[in-house]
């Protein structure tokens, strides 16, 4: 099932049909540990339905939640970060965090810094090397339960981060630095490790880059990363959590 947040309210896509969910608070809805079971139990035949929602504006599937992320969870991302930071002397830090028990976690964006599908993300004016990063993004409840998945775009200023590791917050967090959407994919079980993440970049209508990888290339699993995020940290309405992957050639 797929949950959409739009300019005309919230919609559930089930059995190839969109059903309007009236009178819901988005934060309350996606913060349910039993979200899949709850949506399955709805008497959808009694809800208003639409063939599609193309005539509505699809919004980022975020309410008051923060967006966080994990770094260097793929071997290729470890290699890339080491190459970028070699001149600044920081390459050893990426090597160490890849093998360490504790992962790299960082704050990415507030809701106001996040855009939805077909929205415009930004790049920093003081950066010359900026890349989009396709993400598997987890929808996590306030109790640390993964109840859904969406697609994230973690825009990053590679030259700023490569210059000095202490510049990471500036390379990652600024106005409209994150994309989410178009919806939350709600499943009963965790998605398969064989799931593919892919990226395609078009300029003037032509594909200039495309690449893909699978989730089984991650060293750290989603549940492990979430457990570290929730150590000494609370999220009253849940959060969104990027598993931080990059298609290396996009750089």
Protein backbone atom coordinates (compact mmCIF):
# COMPACT_ATOMS: atom_id res chain seq x y z
CA UNK A 1 0.00 0.00 0.00
CA UNK A 2 1.06 3.58 -0.65
CA UNK A 3 0.22 6.67 1.40
CA UNK A 4 0.17 10.05 -0.32
CA UNK A 5 0.03 13.51 1.22
CA UNK A 6 -1.39 15.99 -1.29
CA UNK A 7 -2.86 19.47 -1.60
CA UNK A 8 -6.31 17.85 -1.44
CA UNK A 9 -5.65 15.71 1.61
CA UNK A 10 -4.33 12.20 2.18
CA UNK A 11 -4.80 9.27 -0.18
CA UNK A 12 -4.26 5.54 0.11
CA UNK A 13 -3.32 3.66 -3.03
CA UNK A 14 -4.59 0.12 -2.74
CA UNK A 15 -5.54 -2.38 -5.44
CA UNK A 16 -4.70 0.20 -8.14
CA UNK A 17 -7.24 2.67 -6.73
CA UNK A 18 -6.78 5.89 -4.76
CA UNK A 19 -8.95 6.30 -1.67
CA UNK A 20 -9.33 9.61 0.13
CA UNK A 21 -8.61 9.42 3.86
CA UNK A 22 -10.67 12.22 5.47
CA UNK A 23 -10.12 13.95 8.80
CA UNK A 24 -6.67 12.57 9.56
CA UNK A 25 -3.69 14.19 11.24
CA UNK A 26 -0.63 13.17 9.23
CA UNK A 27 1.73 13.01 12.22
CA UNK A 28 -0.66 10.78 14.13
CA UNK A 29 -1.32 8.55 11.13
CA UNK A 30 2.27 7.73 10.19
CA UNK A 31 3.34 7.39 13.82
CA UNK A 32 1.29 4.22 14.31
CA UNK A 33 3.35 1.09 15.02
CA UNK A 34 0.48 -0.90 13.49
CA UNK A 35 0.24 1.27 10.38
CA UNK A 36 0.01 -1.60 7.89
CA UNK A 37 -2.61 -3.48 9.92
CA UNK A 38 -4.59 -0.30 10.47
CA UNK A 39 -4.67 0.60 6.78
CA UNK A 40 -5.62 -2.96 5.91
CA UNK A 41 -8.56 -2.79 8.32
CA UNK A 42 -10.08 0.33 6.74
CA UNK A 43 -13.38 -0.22 4.97
CA UNK A 44 -12.10 1.35 1.79
CA UNK A 45 -15.30 0.66 -0.11
CA UNK A 46 -16.91 3.37 2.01
CA UNK A 47 -14.22 5.95 1.23
CA UNK A 48 -14.30 8.42 -1.67
CA UNK A 49 -12.11 7.12 -4.51
CA UNK A 50 -10.28 8.45 -7.55
CA UNK A 51 -8.71 6.77 -10.55
CA UNK A 52 -5.58 8.87 -10.10
CA UNK A 53 -4.36 11.98 -8.28
CA UNK A 54 -2.57 13.66 -11.15
CA UNK A 55 -4.78 16.72 -10.76
CA UNK A 56 -3.53 17.30 -7.20
CA UNK A 57 -0.17 18.57 -5.98
CA UNK A 58 1.74 15.74 -4.34
CA UNK A 59 3.48 17.02 -1.22
CA UNK A 60 6.49 15.60 0.59
CA UNK A 61 5.20 12.82 2.90
CA UNK A 62 6.47 14.63 5.99
CA UNK A 63 4.66 16.47 8.78
CA UNK A 64 6.67 17.70 11.76
CA UNK A 65 9.33 14.99 11.52
CA UNK A 66 13.06 15.61 11.22
CA UNK A 67 15.14 13.94 8.51
CA UNK A 68 18.32 12.18 9.65
CA UNK A 69 20.86 10.12 7.75
CA UNK A 70 23.64 7.58 8.09
CA UNK A 71 26.95 7.81 6.27
CA UNK A 72 29.50 5.35 4.87
CA UNK A 73 27.12 2.40 4.98
CA UNK A 74 28.24 1.10 1.57
CA UNK A 75 31.79 0.10 0.67
CA UNK A 76 31.70 2.35 -2.39
CA UNK A 77 30.72 5.34 -0.26
CA UNK A 78 33.66 4.62 2.03
CA UNK A 79 36.01 4.64 -0.98
CA UNK A 80 34.53 7.84 -2.37
CA UNK A 81 34.78 9.75 0.90
CA UNK A 82 38.38 8.62 1.41
CA UNK A 83 39.34 9.86 -2.06
CA UNK A 84 37.63 13.23 -1.56
CA UNK A 85 39.23 13.92 1.82
CA UNK A 86 42.73 12.59 1.09
CA UNK A 87 44.27 16.04 0.60
CA UNK A 88 42.79 17.36 3.85
CA UNK A 89 44.15 14.38 5.78
CA UNK A 90 40.71 13.08 6.72
CA UNK A 91 40.61 9.85 4.69
CA UNK A 92 41.46 7.66 7.69
CA UNK A 93 38.31 8.78 9.49
CA UNK A 94 36.04 7.32 6.81
CA UNK A 95 38.02 4.10 6.83
CA UNK A 96 37.69 3.83 10.61
CA UNK A 97 33.97 4.61 10.79
CA UNK A 98 33.19 2.00 8.13
CA UNK A 99 34.73 -0.71 10.33
CA UNK A 100 33.68 0.74 13.70
CA UNK A 101 30.78 -0.50 15.80
CA UNK A 102 29.23 2.97 15.95
CA UNK A 103 27.98 4.31 12.58
CA UNK A 104 28.16 7.86 11.28
CA UNK A 105 24.81 9.58 11.89
CA UNK A 106 23.95 13.18 11.10
CA UNK A 107 21.00 15.54 11.03
CA UNK A 108 19.87 16.29 7.48
CA UNK A 109 16.79 18.53 7.34
CA UNK A 110 13.73 20.04 8.98
CA UNK A 111 10.34 19.76 7.21
CA UNK A 112 10.69 23.33 5.92
CA UNK A 113 14.00 22.38 4.27
CA UNK A 114 12.42 19.41 2.47
CA UNK A 115 10.68 19.36 -0.91
CA UNK A 116 8.31 16.84 -2.47
CA UNK A 117 8.32 15.00 -5.78
CA UNK A 118 8.83 17.27 -8.81
CA UNK A 119 9.93 19.99 -6.42
CA UNK A 120 13.18 21.94 -6.75
CA UNK A 121 16.05 21.10 -4.45
CA UNK A 122 18.87 23.63 -4.17
CA UNK A 123 22.64 23.67 -4.31
CA UNK A 124 24.83 26.02 -2.33
CA UNK A 125 26.10 29.17 -4.04
CA UNK A 126 29.48 28.74 -2.36
CA UNK A 127 30.02 25.22 -3.69
CA UNK A 128 31.27 24.11 -7.11
CA UNK A 129 30.71 20.36 -6.79
CA UNK A 130 27.18 19.26 -5.86
CA UNK A 131 25.64 15.84 -6.34
CA UNK A 132 22.20 14.26 -5.90
CA UNK A 133 22.20 11.08 -3.83
CA UNK A 134 19.42 8.49 -4.17
CA UNK A 135 18.33 7.18 -0.81
CA UNK A 136 16.29 4.42 0.71
CA UNK A 137 14.48 6.48 3.35
CA UNK A 138 12.83 4.85 6.34
CA UNK A 139 9.62 6.08 7.96
CA UNK A 140 10.20 5.43 11.65
CA UNK A 141 7.73 5.84 14.53
CA UNK A 142 8.43 7.46 17.88
CA UNK A 143 9.07 3.96 19.29
CA UNK A 144 11.72 3.20 16.69
CA UNK A 145 9.56 0.95 14.49
CA UNK A 146 10.12 1.02 10.73
CA UNK A 147 6.61 1.19 9.26
CA UNK A 148 7.29 2.35 5.71
CA UNK A 149 9.74 3.47 3.08
CA UNK A 150 10.08 6.36 0.70
CA UNK A 151 12.65 7.80 -1.72
CA UNK A 152 15.06 10.48 -0.61
CA UNK A 153 17.45 12.84 -2.35
CA UNK A 154 20.29 13.92 -0.07
CA UNK A 155 21.84 16.82 -1.95
CA UNK A 156 25.47 17.24 -0.93
CA UNK A 157 28.28 19.70 -1.55
CA UNK A 158 31.15 17.30 -2.09
CA UNK A 159 33.88 19.92 -2.32
CA UNK A 160 32.92 21.48 1.02
CA UNK A 161 32.88 18.15 2.85
CA UNK A 162 36.09 17.04 1.15
CA UNK A 163 37.89 20.20 2.22
CA UNK A 164 37.35 19.51 5.92
CA UNK A 165 35.25 16.91 7.74
CA UNK A 166 34.09 19.57 10.20
CA UNK A 167 32.27 21.25 7.32
CA UNK A 168 29.85 18.31 6.97
CA UNK A 169 26.82 20.20 8.40
CA UNK A 170 27.34 22.97 5.83
CA UNK A 171 27.72 20.45 3.02
CA UNK A 172 24.52 18.66 4.00
CA UNK A 173 22.06 21.05 5.64
CA UNK A 174 20.68 24.23 4.08
CA UNK A 175 17.38 25.45 2.58
CA UNK A 176 15.72 22.83 0.33
CA UNK A 177 18.60 20.40 0.70
CA UNK A 178 16.44 17.27 0.85
CA UNK A 179 13.80 15.65 -1.32
CA UNK A 180 11.24 13.07 -0.16
CA UNK A 181 8.48 11.24 -1.92
CA UNK A 182 6.30 10.77 -3.73
CA UNK A 183 4.68 8.61 -1.05
CA UNK A 184 5.25 6.21 1.83
CA UNK A 185 5.33 2.56 0.82
CA UNK A 186 3.73 0.69 3.72
CA UNK A 187 4.52 -3.02 3.99
CA UNK A 188 3.80 -5.82 6.43
CA UNK A 189 7.38 -7.10 6.29
CA UNK A 190 10.76 -5.47 5.66
CA UNK A 191 11.57 -4.98 2.01
CA UNK A 192 13.86 -7.49 0.32
CA UNK A 193 17.66 -7.05 0.48
CA UNK A 194 17.56 -7.56 -3.29
CA UNK A 195 15.68 -4.28 -3.72
CA UNK A 196 17.38 -2.02 -6.26
CA UNK A 197 18.09 1.67 -5.78
CA UNK A 198 18.58 3.50 -9.07
CA UNK A 199 19.30 7.03 -10.21
CA UNK A 200 18.80 8.71 -13.57
CA UNK A 201 19.89 12.28 -14.29
CA UNK A 202 18.45 14.13 -17.26
CA UNK A 203 19.54 17.45 -18.69
CA UNK A 204 17.55 19.12 -21.47
CA UNK A 205 15.52 15.92 -21.74
CA UNK A 206 18.52 13.65 -22.29
CA UNK A 207 19.94 11.08 -19.87
CA UNK A 208 23.46 12.11 -18.83
CA UNK A 209 23.91 9.53 -16.08
CA UNK A 210 22.23 6.45 -14.67
CA UNK A 211 23.32 3.91 -12.10
CA UNK A 212 21.95 1.44 -9.57
CA UNK A 213 22.81 -0.84 -6.68
CA UNK A 214 21.01 -3.22 -4.31
CA UNK A 215 20.35 -3.00 -0.58
CA UNK A 216 22.40 -6.11 0.10
CA UNK A 217 25.50 -4.01 -0.61
CA UNK A 218 24.97 -2.20 2.69
CA UNK A 219 27.27 -3.19 5.50
CA UNK A 220 24.87 -1.92 8.19
CA UNK A 221 21.23 -2.96 8.19
CA UNK A 222 18.33 -0.52 8.70
CA UNK A 223 17.33 -1.88 12.12
CA UNK A 224 20.88 -1.47 13.43
CA UNK A 225 21.10 2.11 12.18
CA UNK A 226 17.72 3.03 13.68
CA UNK A 227 18.74 1.58 17.05
CA UNK A 228 21.78 3.87 17.15
CA UNK A 229 19.71 6.88 16.09
CA UNK A 230 17.32 6.35 19.00
CA UNK A 231 20.09 6.13 21.59
CA UNK A 232 19.63 9.19 23.84
CA UNK A 233 17.40 10.73 21.15
CA UNK A 234 13.63 11.02 21.02
CA UNK A 235 11.27 11.83 18.18
CA UNK A 236 7.73 12.53 19.46
CA UNK A 237 6.15 12.12 16.02
CA UNK A 238 8.70 9.75 14.55
CA UNK A 239 11.31 10.65 11.95
CA UNK A 240 12.57 9.94 8.46
CA UNK A 241 15.94 8.26 8.19
CA UNK A 242 18.09 8.07 5.05
CA UNK A 243 20.24 4.99 4.68
CA UNK A 244 22.62 7.19 2.71
CA UNK A 245 23.62 5.60 -0.57
CA UNK A 246 25.28 7.19 -3.54
CA UNK A 247 25.66 5.97 -7.10
CA UNK A 248 29.42 6.54 -7.31
CA UNK A 249 29.56 7.50 -10.98
CA UNK A 250 27.20 10.41 -10.37
CA UNK A 251 30.06 12.30 -8.84
